[in-house]
């Protein structure tokens, strides 16, 4: 990979399996793993088409599919995609770099009503590709489509940079919260959930 993601460069070779095992264990223990999906479900109409960008082990996309949405998930890590396919059949899970996202070339020609970037995905993409990742995702949304993004504020991607990248990608910032269950935003929050929209005009 000419421009490897931070998921590759900043973690060891055992990290992917650790991540898979962790979420399988949490699911077996009955942990609440669908908070992000509940929020996204509230933002769209029934039966929407949703892009799970950086889908990981598929927990969010699977929860959205269980709510009746059509889900396509994309992740750069083949091990995570394989786990999603095994654990959550139904959605379409694809291996792909979000900085090169081109789903029409892979047969997914219809635009998406919404997209979701959870689990600190934007802090794991290749350095300097954040704006291109947002631009690519925005290009897959229908006009007036929404993008929900969540990441830790102390992970090396300042919110000011994110906001600038979002605007440059053609997105409009609508709301920001401190958690996925919509706790009010505050400047010292250690997590940010941001709702962006592709303008309708």
N, C-alpha and C. Protein backbone atom coordinates (compact mmCIF):
# COMPACT_ATOMS: atom_id res chain seq x y z
N UNK A 1 0.86 -1.20 0.00
CA UNK A 1 0.00 0.00 0.00
C UNK A 1 0.89 1.24 0.00
N UNK A 2 0.80 2.11 -1.01
CA UNK A 2 1.71 3.24 -1.12
C UNK A 2 1.54 4.27 -0.01
N UNK A 3 0.36 4.39 0.55
CA UNK A 3 0.11 5.36 1.61
C UNK A 3 -0.65 4.65 2.73
N UNK A 4 0.08 3.88 3.56
CA UNK A 4 -0.60 3.02 4.53
C UNK A 4 -1.37 3.82 5.57
N UNK A 5 -2.46 3.24 6.03
CA UNK A 5 -3.27 3.87 7.06
C UNK A 5 -2.55 3.78 8.41
N UNK A 6 -2.97 4.64 9.33
CA UNK A 6 -2.42 4.57 10.69
C UNK A 6 -2.82 3.26 11.37
N UNK A 7 -3.94 2.68 10.92
CA UNK A 7 -4.33 1.37 11.47
C UNK A 7 -3.21 0.36 11.25
N UNK A 8 -2.48 0.50 10.12
CA UNK A 8 -1.37 -0.39 9.80
C UNK A 8 -0.09 0.07 10.50
N UNK A 9 0.22 1.36 10.40
CA UNK A 9 1.52 1.84 10.88
C UNK A 9 1.59 2.01 12.39
N UNK A 10 0.45 2.26 13.04
CA UNK A 10 0.48 2.58 14.47
C UNK A 10 0.07 1.42 15.36
N UNK A 11 -0.21 0.25 14.79
CA UNK A 11 -0.59 -0.91 15.59
C UNK A 11 0.25 -2.11 15.16
N UNK A 12 0.29 -3.12 16.00
CA UNK A 12 1.06 -4.32 15.70
C UNK A 12 0.27 -5.31 14.87
N UNK A 13 0.92 -6.38 14.40
CA UNK A 13 0.26 -7.35 13.53
C UNK A 13 -0.86 -8.12 14.23
N UNK A 14 -0.83 -8.14 15.56
CA UNK A 14 -1.86 -8.86 16.31
C UNK A 14 -3.08 -7.99 16.62
N UNK A 15 -3.02 -6.72 16.28
CA UNK A 15 -4.06 -5.79 16.71
C UNK A 15 -5.43 -6.11 16.11
N UNK A 16 -5.46 -6.49 14.86
CA UNK A 16 -6.75 -6.76 14.21
C UNK A 16 -7.47 -7.91 14.91
N UNK A 17 -6.75 -8.99 15.21
CA UNK A 17 -7.40 -10.12 15.88
C UNK A 17 -7.83 -9.74 17.29
N UNK A 18 -7.01 -8.95 17.98
CA UNK A 18 -7.41 -8.46 19.30
C UNK A 18 -8.72 -7.67 19.21
N UNK A 19 -8.82 -6.82 18.20
CA UNK A 19 -10.01 -6.00 18.01
C UNK A 19 -11.23 -6.86 17.72
N UNK A 20 -11.07 -7.84 16.86
CA UNK A 20 -12.17 -8.76 16.55
C UNK A 20 -12.61 -9.50 17.81
N UNK A 21 -11.65 -10.04 18.54
CA UNK A 21 -11.97 -10.80 19.75
C UNK A 21 -12.64 -9.91 20.80
N UNK A 22 -12.19 -8.68 20.89
CA UNK A 22 -12.77 -7.76 21.87
C UNK A 22 -14.25 -7.53 21.62
N UNK A 23 -14.61 -7.25 20.38
CA UNK A 23 -16.01 -6.96 20.11
C UNK A 23 -16.88 -8.22 20.12
N UNK A 24 -16.31 -9.35 19.79
CA UNK A 24 -17.07 -10.59 19.95
C UNK A 24 -17.34 -10.86 21.43
N UNK A 25 -16.36 -10.59 22.26
CA UNK A 25 -16.54 -10.79 23.71
C UNK A 25 -17.57 -9.83 24.27
N UNK A 26 -17.49 -8.57 23.87
CA UNK A 26 -18.46 -7.58 24.35
C UNK A 26 -19.88 -7.95 23.93
N UNK A 27 -20.02 -8.42 22.69
CA UNK A 27 -21.35 -8.83 22.21
C UNK A 27 -21.87 -10.01 23.02
N UNK A 28 -20.98 -10.97 23.32
CA UNK A 28 -21.39 -12.14 24.09
C UNK A 28 -21.78 -11.76 25.51
N UNK A 29 -21.17 -10.69 26.03
CA UNK A 29 -21.48 -10.22 27.38
C UNK A 29 -22.72 -9.34 27.43
N UNK A 30 -23.29 -9.06 26.27
CA UNK A 30 -24.50 -8.24 26.22
C UNK A 30 -24.26 -6.75 26.30
N UNK A 31 -23.05 -6.30 25.98
CA UNK A 31 -22.74 -4.86 26.01
C UNK A 31 -23.56 -4.13 24.95
N UNK A 32 -23.84 -2.88 25.23
CA UNK A 32 -24.56 -2.04 24.27
C UNK A 32 -23.58 -1.58 23.20
N UNK A 33 -23.69 -2.14 22.01
CA UNK A 33 -22.78 -1.83 20.92
C UNK A 33 -23.49 -1.12 19.78
N UNK A 34 -24.69 -0.63 20.01
CA UNK A 34 -25.49 -0.09 18.90
C UNK A 34 -25.89 1.38 19.10
N UNK A 35 -25.22 2.07 20.00
CA UNK A 35 -25.59 3.47 20.25
C UNK A 35 -25.46 4.34 19.01
N UNK A 36 -24.39 4.15 18.26
CA UNK A 36 -24.20 4.94 17.04
C UNK A 36 -25.31 4.65 16.03
N UNK A 37 -25.67 3.38 15.93
CA UNK A 37 -26.72 2.99 14.98
C UNK A 37 -28.06 3.58 15.36
N UNK A 38 -28.35 3.67 16.65
CA UNK A 38 -29.63 4.26 17.07
C UNK A 38 -29.72 5.72 16.63
N UNK A 39 -28.62 6.45 16.76
CA UNK A 39 -28.62 7.84 16.34
C UNK A 39 -28.82 7.96 14.83
N UNK A 40 -28.07 7.18 14.07
CA UNK A 40 -28.18 7.26 12.61
C UNK A 40 -29.57 6.86 12.16
N UNK A 41 -30.14 5.85 12.79
CA UNK A 41 -31.50 5.41 12.45
C UNK A 41 -32.50 6.54 12.65
N UNK A 42 -32.27 7.37 13.66
CA UNK A 42 -33.19 8.49 13.93
C UNK A 42 -33.05 9.61 12.90
N UNK A 43 -31.96 9.61 12.16
CA UNK A 43 -31.70 10.69 11.21
C UNK A 43 -32.27 10.42 9.81
N UNK A 44 -32.67 9.17 9.56
CA UNK A 44 -33.06 8.79 8.21
C UNK A 44 -34.46 8.19 8.20
N UNK A 45 -35.01 8.06 7.02
CA UNK A 45 -36.32 7.44 6.88
C UNK A 45 -36.17 5.92 6.83
N UNK A 46 -37.24 5.18 7.12
CA UNK A 46 -37.15 3.72 7.07
C UNK A 46 -36.69 3.23 5.69
N UNK A 47 -35.90 2.16 5.72
CA UNK A 47 -35.42 1.58 4.47
C UNK A 47 -34.40 2.42 3.74
N UNK A 48 -33.64 3.21 4.47
CA UNK A 48 -32.63 4.05 3.82
C UNK A 48 -31.41 3.24 3.39
N UNK A 49 -30.64 3.86 2.55
CA UNK A 49 -29.39 3.26 2.06
C UNK A 49 -28.25 3.95 2.81
N UNK A 50 -27.44 3.14 3.53
CA UNK A 50 -26.45 3.71 4.46
C UNK A 50 -25.07 3.13 4.18
N UNK A 51 -24.09 4.01 4.13
CA UNK A 51 -22.69 3.63 3.96
C UNK A 51 -22.02 3.60 5.33
N UNK A 52 -21.49 2.45 5.71
CA UNK A 52 -20.72 2.29 6.94
C UNK A 52 -19.25 2.38 6.55
N UNK A 53 -18.68 3.58 6.67
CA UNK A 53 -17.32 3.85 6.21
C UNK A 53 -16.34 3.58 7.34
N UNK A 54 -15.42 2.65 7.10
CA UNK A 54 -14.56 2.19 8.17
C UNK A 54 -15.35 1.25 9.07
N UNK A 55 -15.95 0.24 8.45
CA UNK A 55 -16.98 -0.57 9.11
C UNK A 55 -16.45 -1.54 10.15
N UNK A 56 -15.14 -1.77 10.18
CA UNK A 56 -14.57 -2.63 11.20
C UNK A 56 -15.19 -4.02 11.19
N UNK A 57 -15.60 -4.48 12.37
CA UNK A 57 -16.19 -5.82 12.50
C UNK A 57 -17.67 -5.84 12.16
N UNK A 58 -18.24 -4.70 11.76
CA UNK A 58 -19.61 -4.67 11.26
C UNK A 58 -20.69 -4.44 12.28
N UNK A 59 -20.33 -4.09 13.51
CA UNK A 59 -21.35 -3.99 14.56
C UNK A 59 -22.37 -2.89 14.26
N UNK A 60 -21.94 -1.74 13.77
CA UNK A 60 -22.86 -0.63 13.52
C UNK A 60 -23.69 -0.90 12.27
N UNK A 61 -23.04 -1.31 11.20
CA UNK A 61 -23.78 -1.62 9.98
C UNK A 61 -24.78 -2.72 10.17
N UNK A 62 -24.42 -3.73 10.96
CA UNK A 62 -25.35 -4.83 11.22
C UNK A 62 -26.57 -4.34 12.00
N UNK A 63 -26.35 -3.45 12.96
CA UNK A 63 -27.47 -2.92 13.73
C UNK A 63 -28.39 -2.09 12.86
N UNK A 64 -27.83 -1.37 11.91
CA UNK A 64 -28.65 -0.58 10.99
C UNK A 64 -29.41 -1.49 10.02
N UNK A 65 -28.78 -2.56 9.58
CA UNK A 65 -29.46 -3.51 8.71
C UNK A 65 -30.62 -4.18 9.45
N UNK A 66 -30.41 -4.46 10.74
CA UNK A 66 -31.47 -5.07 11.54
C UNK A 66 -32.66 -4.14 11.69
N UNK A 67 -32.44 -2.84 11.51
CA UNK A 67 -33.52 -1.86 11.57
C UNK A 67 -34.15 -1.63 10.20
N UNK A 68 -33.77 -2.43 9.23
CA UNK A 68 -34.42 -2.39 7.93
C UNK A 68 -33.72 -1.57 6.86
N UNK A 69 -32.52 -1.09 7.13
CA UNK A 69 -31.78 -0.29 6.15
C UNK A 69 -30.91 -1.18 5.26
N UNK A 70 -30.62 -0.69 4.07
CA UNK A 70 -29.67 -1.34 3.18
C UNK A 70 -28.29 -0.78 3.47
N UNK A 71 -27.36 -1.65 3.84
CA UNK A 71 -26.05 -1.21 4.33
C UNK A 71 -24.94 -1.77 3.46
N UNK A 72 -24.00 -0.89 3.12
CA UNK A 72 -22.74 -1.28 2.50
C UNK A 72 -21.63 -0.81 3.43
N UNK A 73 -20.79 -1.75 3.84
CA UNK A 73 -19.67 -1.42 4.72
C UNK A 73 -18.35 -1.55 4.00
N UNK A 74 -17.43 -0.63 4.29
CA UNK A 74 -16.11 -0.64 3.66
C UNK A 74 -15.05 -0.45 4.73
N UNK A 75 -14.04 -1.30 4.71
CA UNK A 75 -12.93 -1.16 5.65
C UNK A 75 -11.64 -1.58 4.96
N UNK A 76 -10.53 -0.95 5.34
CA UNK A 76 -9.25 -1.25 4.71
C UNK A 76 -8.63 -2.54 5.22
N UNK A 77 -9.09 -3.05 6.35
CA UNK A 77 -8.48 -4.22 6.98
C UNK A 77 -9.23 -5.49 6.55
N UNK A 78 -8.61 -6.35 5.74
CA UNK A 78 -9.30 -7.56 5.29
C UNK A 78 -9.74 -8.46 6.44
N UNK A 79 -8.98 -8.50 7.53
CA UNK A 79 -9.35 -9.36 8.66
C UNK A 79 -10.66 -8.88 9.29
N UNK A 80 -10.82 -7.58 9.42
CA UNK A 80 -12.05 -7.05 10.00
C UNK A 80 -13.23 -7.30 9.07
N UNK A 81 -13.02 -7.14 7.78
CA UNK A 81 -14.10 -7.39 6.82
C UNK A 81 -14.50 -8.86 6.85
N UNK A 82 -13.52 -9.74 6.94
CA UNK A 82 -13.82 -11.18 7.03
C UNK A 82 -14.65 -11.48 8.28
N UNK A 83 -14.30 -10.83 9.40
CA UNK A 83 -15.07 -11.04 10.63
C UNK A 83 -16.49 -10.52 10.47
N UNK A 84 -16.65 -9.35 9.82
CA UNK A 84 -17.99 -8.80 9.59
C UNK A 84 -18.82 -9.74 8.74
N UNK A 85 -18.21 -10.29 7.71
CA UNK A 85 -18.94 -11.22 6.83
C UNK A 85 -19.37 -12.47 7.59
N UNK A 86 -18.51 -12.94 8.49
CA UNK A 86 -18.82 -14.16 9.25
C UNK A 86 -19.87 -13.90 10.33
N UNK A 87 -19.76 -12.78 11.00
CA UNK A 87 -20.62 -12.51 12.16
C UNK A 87 -21.92 -11.82 11.80
N UNK A 88 -21.94 -11.10 10.69
CA UNK A 88 -23.10 -10.27 10.35
C UNK A 88 -23.46 -10.40 8.87
N UNK A 89 -23.94 -11.56 8.44
CA UNK A 89 -24.37 -11.69 7.05
C UNK A 89 -25.58 -10.80 6.77
N UNK A 90 -25.65 -10.33 5.57
CA UNK A 90 -26.78 -9.46 5.18
C UNK A 90 -26.28 -8.22 4.49
N UNK A 91 -25.60 -7.31 5.22
CA UNK A 91 -25.00 -6.16 4.53
C UNK A 91 -23.90 -6.63 3.57
N UNK A 92 -23.54 -5.75 2.66
CA UNK A 92 -22.40 -6.04 1.78
C UNK A 92 -21.15 -5.43 2.41
N UNK A 93 -20.17 -6.27 2.71
CA UNK A 93 -18.92 -5.83 3.34
C UNK A 93 -17.81 -5.89 2.32
N UNK A 94 -17.08 -4.78 2.14
CA UNK A 94 -16.05 -4.68 1.12
C UNK A 94 -14.73 -4.21 1.72
N UNK A 95 -13.64 -4.72 1.19
CA UNK A 95 -12.31 -4.23 1.57
C UNK A 95 -11.98 -3.04 0.66
N UNK A 96 -11.55 -1.93 1.27
CA UNK A 96 -11.20 -0.77 0.46
C UNK A 96 -10.67 0.36 1.31
N UNK A 97 -9.78 1.15 0.73
CA UNK A 97 -9.23 2.34 1.36
C UNK A 97 -10.20 3.49 1.15
N UNK A 98 -10.64 4.12 2.22
CA UNK A 98 -11.62 5.20 2.11
C UNK A 98 -11.08 6.38 1.31
N UNK A 99 -9.77 6.55 1.27
CA UNK A 99 -9.18 7.64 0.49
C UNK A 99 -9.27 7.38 -1.01
N UNK A 100 -9.64 6.15 -1.39
CA UNK A 100 -9.80 5.79 -2.80
C UNK A 100 -11.21 5.28 -3.08
N UNK A 101 -12.16 5.62 -2.23
CA UNK A 101 -13.51 5.07 -2.29
C UNK A 101 -14.17 5.39 -3.63
N UNK A 102 -14.60 4.33 -4.31
CA UNK A 102 -15.30 4.47 -5.59
C UNK A 102 -16.27 3.30 -5.71
N UNK A 103 -17.38 3.39 -5.01
CA UNK A 103 -18.32 2.27 -4.98
C UNK A 103 -19.06 2.05 -6.30
N UNK A 104 -19.34 3.07 -7.11
CA UNK A 104 -19.93 2.78 -8.42
C UNK A 104 -19.07 1.83 -9.25
N UNK A 105 -17.76 1.91 -9.10
CA UNK A 105 -16.87 1.01 -9.83
C UNK A 105 -16.99 -0.43 -9.33
N UNK A 106 -17.62 -0.61 -8.16
CA UNK A 106 -17.79 -1.94 -7.59
C UNK A 106 -19.26 -2.37 -7.60
N UNK A 107 -20.03 -1.69 -8.44
CA UNK A 107 -21.41 -2.09 -8.64
C UNK A 107 -22.43 -1.41 -7.75
N UNK A 108 -21.97 -0.53 -6.86
CA UNK A 108 -22.89 0.19 -5.96
C UNK A 108 -23.12 1.58 -6.53
N UNK A 109 -24.02 1.66 -7.50
CA UNK A 109 -24.18 2.91 -8.25
C UNK A 109 -25.17 3.88 -7.60
N UNK A 110 -26.05 3.39 -6.76
CA UNK A 110 -27.05 4.27 -6.14
C UNK A 110 -26.41 5.09 -5.04
N UNK A 111 -26.80 6.36 -4.91
CA UNK A 111 -26.25 7.19 -3.83
C UNK A 111 -26.80 6.73 -2.48
N UNK A 112 -26.15 7.19 -1.43
CA UNK A 112 -26.53 6.82 -0.06
C UNK A 112 -27.29 7.96 0.60
N UNK A 113 -28.28 7.59 1.41
CA UNK A 113 -29.02 8.58 2.19
C UNK A 113 -28.22 9.08 3.37
N UNK A 114 -27.32 8.24 3.87
CA UNK A 114 -26.51 8.60 5.04
C UNK A 114 -25.23 7.79 5.02
N UNK A 115 -24.25 8.30 5.73
CA UNK A 115 -23.00 7.57 5.96
C UNK A 115 -22.61 7.77 7.41
N UNK A 116 -21.85 6.83 7.92
CA UNK A 116 -21.40 6.90 9.31
C UNK A 116 -19.93 6.55 9.37
N UNK A 117 -19.19 7.34 10.17
CA UNK A 117 -17.77 7.12 10.44
C UNK A 117 -17.63 7.03 11.95
N UNK A 118 -17.52 5.81 12.49
CA UNK A 118 -17.46 5.65 13.94
C UNK A 118 -16.14 5.01 14.33
N UNK A 119 -15.93 4.86 15.63
CA UNK A 119 -14.75 4.14 16.10
C UNK A 119 -13.43 4.81 15.78
N UNK A 120 -13.39 6.14 15.78
CA UNK A 120 -12.14 6.87 15.53
C UNK A 120 -11.57 6.63 14.14
N UNK A 121 -12.42 6.28 13.18
CA UNK A 121 -11.93 5.94 11.84
C UNK A 121 -11.06 7.06 11.27
N UNK A 122 -11.49 8.31 11.39
CA UNK A 122 -10.74 9.40 10.77
C UNK A 122 -9.35 9.58 11.38
N UNK A 123 -9.14 9.10 12.58
CA UNK A 123 -7.81 9.19 13.19
C UNK A 123 -6.95 7.99 12.83
N UNK A 124 -7.50 7.04 12.07
CA UNK A 124 -6.73 5.87 11.64
C UNK A 124 -6.44 5.88 10.14
N UNK A 125 -7.00 6.83 9.38
CA UNK A 125 -6.68 6.88 7.95
C UNK A 125 -5.25 7.37 7.77
N UNK A 126 -4.73 7.24 6.57
CA UNK A 126 -3.36 7.68 6.31
C UNK A 126 -3.22 9.18 6.56
N UNK A 127 -2.12 9.60 7.17
CA UNK A 127 -1.92 11.02 7.45
C UNK A 127 -2.07 11.86 6.18
N UNK A 128 -2.83 12.94 6.30
CA UNK A 128 -3.01 13.84 5.18
C UNK A 128 -4.14 13.48 4.24
N UNK A 129 -4.79 12.34 4.48
CA UNK A 129 -5.89 11.92 3.58
C UNK A 129 -7.26 12.22 4.15
N UNK A 130 -7.33 12.83 5.32
CA UNK A 130 -8.63 13.04 5.97
C UNK A 130 -9.59 13.81 5.07
N UNK A 131 -9.10 14.87 4.45
CA UNK A 131 -9.98 15.68 3.59
C UNK A 131 -10.46 14.87 2.39
N UNK A 132 -9.57 14.08 1.81
CA UNK A 132 -9.96 13.27 0.66
C UNK A 132 -10.96 12.19 1.06
N UNK A 133 -10.79 11.61 2.25
CA UNK A 133 -11.75 10.63 2.75
C UNK A 133 -13.13 11.27 2.87
N UNK A 134 -13.19 12.46 3.46
CA UNK A 134 -14.47 13.15 3.60
C UNK A 134 -15.05 13.51 2.23
N UNK A 135 -14.20 13.92 1.31
CA UNK A 135 -14.67 14.28 -0.04
C UNK A 135 -15.25 13.05 -0.74
N UNK A 136 -14.56 11.93 -0.62
CA UNK A 136 -15.04 10.71 -1.27
C UNK A 136 -16.38 10.26 -0.69
N UNK A 137 -16.49 10.33 0.62
CA UNK A 137 -17.76 9.92 1.25
C UNK A 137 -18.87 10.88 0.83
N UNK A 138 -18.59 12.17 0.85
CA UNK A 138 -19.60 13.17 0.45
C UNK A 138 -20.08 12.91 -0.97
N UNK A 139 -19.17 12.50 -1.85
CA UNK A 139 -19.53 12.24 -3.24
C UNK A 139 -20.48 11.05 -3.38
N UNK A 140 -20.51 10.18 -2.39
CA UNK A 140 -21.40 9.02 -2.41
C UNK A 140 -22.77 9.30 -1.80
N UNK A 141 -22.91 10.47 -1.17
CA UNK A 141 -24.20 10.83 -0.57
C UNK A 141 -25.11 11.49 -1.59
N UNK A 142 -26.39 11.27 -1.45
CA UNK A 142 -27.34 12.02 -2.26
C UNK A 142 -27.39 13.46 -1.75
N UNK A 143 -27.83 14.40 -2.56
CA UNK A 143 -28.05 15.76 -2.03
C UNK A 143 -28.95 15.71 -0.81
N UNK A 144 -28.59 16.41 0.23
CA UNK A 144 -29.26 16.45 1.51
C UNK A 144 -28.98 15.20 2.36
N UNK A 145 -28.05 14.36 1.91
CA UNK A 145 -27.66 13.21 2.71
C UNK A 145 -26.82 13.64 3.90
N UNK A 146 -26.83 12.81 4.96
CA UNK A 146 -26.18 13.16 6.22
C UNK A 146 -25.01 12.23 6.48
N UNK A 147 -23.97 12.77 7.11
CA UNK A 147 -22.81 12.01 7.54
C UNK A 147 -22.62 12.22 9.03
N UNK A 148 -22.58 11.13 9.80
CA UNK A 148 -22.34 11.18 11.24
C UNK A 148 -20.92 10.70 11.50
N UNK A 149 -20.14 11.53 12.20
CA UNK A 149 -18.72 11.25 12.45
C UNK A 149 -18.44 11.33 13.94
N UNK A 150 -17.71 10.35 14.46
CA UNK A 150 -17.31 10.40 15.86
C UNK A 150 -15.85 10.02 16.03
N UNK A 151 -15.11 10.81 16.83
CA UNK A 151 -13.73 10.45 17.15
C UNK A 151 -13.28 11.21 18.39
N UNK A 152 -12.26 10.67 19.04
CA UNK A 152 -11.70 11.29 20.23
C UNK A 152 -10.97 12.58 19.90
N UNK A 153 -11.15 13.57 20.74
CA UNK A 153 -10.55 14.88 20.45
C UNK A 153 -9.06 14.93 20.75
N UNK A 154 -8.52 13.94 21.42
CA UNK A 154 -7.10 13.94 21.76
C UNK A 154 -6.29 12.96 20.93
N UNK A 155 -6.75 12.68 19.73
CA UNK A 155 -6.10 11.64 18.92
C UNK A 155 -5.33 12.21 17.72
N UNK A 156 -4.93 13.49 17.79
CA UNK A 156 -4.05 14.05 16.78
C UNK A 156 -4.72 14.66 15.57
N UNK A 157 -6.04 14.77 15.60
CA UNK A 157 -6.77 15.40 14.49
C UNK A 157 -7.62 16.50 15.09
N UNK A 158 -7.08 17.73 15.19
CA UNK A 158 -7.81 18.82 15.84
C UNK A 158 -9.16 19.08 15.17
N UNK A 159 -10.15 19.43 15.97
CA UNK A 159 -11.48 19.69 15.43
C UNK A 159 -11.46 20.84 14.42
N UNK A 160 -10.62 21.83 14.63
CA UNK A 160 -10.54 22.93 13.67
C UNK A 160 -10.11 22.42 12.30
N UNK A 161 -9.16 21.47 12.29
CA UNK A 161 -8.73 20.88 11.02
C UNK A 161 -9.86 20.06 10.40
N UNK A 162 -10.54 19.28 11.24
CA UNK A 162 -11.67 18.49 10.75
C UNK A 162 -12.74 19.38 10.15
N UNK A 163 -13.08 20.44 10.85
CA UNK A 163 -14.13 21.33 10.34
C UNK A 163 -13.72 21.94 9.00
N UNK A 164 -12.46 22.34 8.88
CA UNK A 164 -11.98 22.88 7.60
C UNK A 164 -12.00 21.85 6.50
N UNK A 165 -11.62 20.63 6.83
CA UNK A 165 -11.63 19.56 5.84
C UNK A 165 -13.06 19.25 5.39
N UNK A 166 -13.99 19.26 6.34
CA UNK A 166 -15.39 18.97 6.01
C UNK A 166 -15.95 20.01 5.04
N UNK A 167 -15.70 21.26 5.31
CA UNK A 167 -16.18 22.33 4.43
C UNK A 167 -15.54 22.20 3.05
N UNK A 168 -14.22 21.94 3.03
CA UNK A 168 -13.54 21.78 1.74
C UNK A 168 -14.06 20.58 0.96
N UNK A 169 -14.58 19.58 1.67
CA UNK A 169 -15.13 18.39 1.03
C UNK A 169 -16.56 18.60 0.55
N UNK A 170 -17.11 19.80 0.78
CA UNK A 170 -18.46 20.11 0.31
C UNK A 170 -19.55 19.76 1.30
N UNK A 171 -19.20 19.65 2.57
CA UNK A 171 -20.16 19.31 3.60
C UNK A 171 -20.45 20.51 4.50
N UNK A 172 -21.63 20.51 5.09
CA UNK A 172 -22.04 21.58 5.99
C UNK A 172 -22.21 21.02 7.40
N UNK A 173 -21.60 21.69 8.38
CA UNK A 173 -21.72 21.25 9.76
C UNK A 173 -23.08 21.68 10.30
N UNK A 174 -23.83 20.70 10.84
CA UNK A 174 -25.15 20.99 11.39
C UNK A 174 -25.19 20.96 12.91
N UNK A 175 -24.60 19.92 13.50
CA UNK A 175 -24.68 19.77 14.95
C UNK A 175 -23.40 19.12 15.46
N UNK A 176 -23.08 19.40 16.73
CA UNK A 176 -21.97 18.69 17.39
C UNK A 176 -22.39 18.36 18.81
N UNK A 177 -22.05 17.14 19.22
CA UNK A 177 -22.37 16.65 20.56
C UNK A 177 -21.11 16.03 21.17
N UNK A 178 -21.17 15.79 22.48
CA UNK A 178 -20.02 15.22 23.18
C UNK A 178 -20.08 13.69 23.23
N UNK A 179 -21.22 13.11 22.89
CA UNK A 179 -21.39 11.66 22.93
C UNK A 179 -22.41 11.25 21.87
N UNK A 180 -22.46 9.95 21.60
CA UNK A 180 -23.44 9.43 20.65
C UNK A 180 -24.86 9.48 21.20
N UNK A 181 -25.02 9.61 22.51
CA UNK A 181 -26.37 9.77 23.05
C UNK A 181 -26.71 11.25 23.27
N UNK A 182 -26.00 12.11 22.54
CA UNK A 182 -26.35 13.52 22.37
C UNK A 182 -26.19 14.36 23.63
N UNK A 183 -25.19 14.06 24.43
CA UNK A 183 -24.85 14.98 25.52
C UNK A 183 -24.34 16.28 24.91
N UNK A 184 -24.65 17.42 25.52
CA UNK A 184 -24.28 18.70 24.91
C UNK A 184 -22.77 18.83 24.69
N UNK A 185 -22.43 19.48 23.59
CA UNK A 185 -21.02 19.72 23.30
C UNK A 185 -20.44 20.72 24.31
N UNK A 186 -19.19 20.48 24.68
CA UNK A 186 -18.43 21.44 25.48
C UNK A 186 -16.99 21.41 24.98
N UNK A 187 -16.30 22.53 25.13
CA UNK A 187 -14.97 22.65 24.52
C UNK A 187 -13.94 21.70 25.11
N UNK A 188 -14.18 21.22 26.34
CA UNK A 188 -13.22 20.31 26.96
C UNK A 188 -13.63 18.84 26.82
N UNK A 189 -14.61 18.56 25.98
CA UNK A 189 -15.05 17.18 25.78
C UNK A 189 -13.93 16.35 25.17
N UNK A 190 -13.86 15.09 25.58
CA UNK A 190 -12.81 14.23 25.04
C UNK A 190 -13.28 13.43 23.83
N UNK A 191 -14.52 13.67 23.40
CA UNK A 191 -15.05 13.00 22.21
C UNK A 191 -15.98 13.96 21.51
N UNK A 192 -16.03 13.86 20.19
CA UNK A 192 -16.91 14.73 19.40
C UNK A 192 -17.72 13.90 18.42
N UNK A 193 -19.01 14.12 18.43
CA UNK A 193 -19.91 13.52 17.44
C UNK A 193 -20.45 14.67 16.61
N UNK A 194 -20.17 14.64 15.33
CA UNK A 194 -20.53 15.73 14.45
C UNK A 194 -21.44 15.24 13.34
N UNK A 195 -22.50 15.99 13.11
CA UNK A 195 -23.43 15.69 12.03
C UNK A 195 -23.17 16.68 10.90
N UNK A 196 -22.84 16.14 9.74
CA UNK A 196 -22.56 16.92 8.55
C UNK A 196 -23.59 16.59 7.49
N UNK A 197 -23.82 17.51 6.58
CA UNK A 197 -24.80 17.25 5.53
C UNK A 197 -24.27 17.73 4.19
N UNK A 198 -24.54 16.94 3.18
CA UNK A 198 -24.27 17.41 1.81
C UNK A 198 -25.39 18.32 1.40
N UNK A 199 -25.12 19.57 1.06
CA UNK A 199 -26.19 20.51 0.74
C UNK A 199 -27.08 20.00 -0.39
N UNK A 200 -28.33 20.37 -0.29
CA UNK A 200 -29.30 19.92 -1.31
C UNK A 200 -29.18 20.71 -2.59
N UNK A 201 -28.66 21.93 -2.51
CA UNK A 201 -28.58 22.78 -3.71
C UNK A 201 -27.21 22.70 -4.35
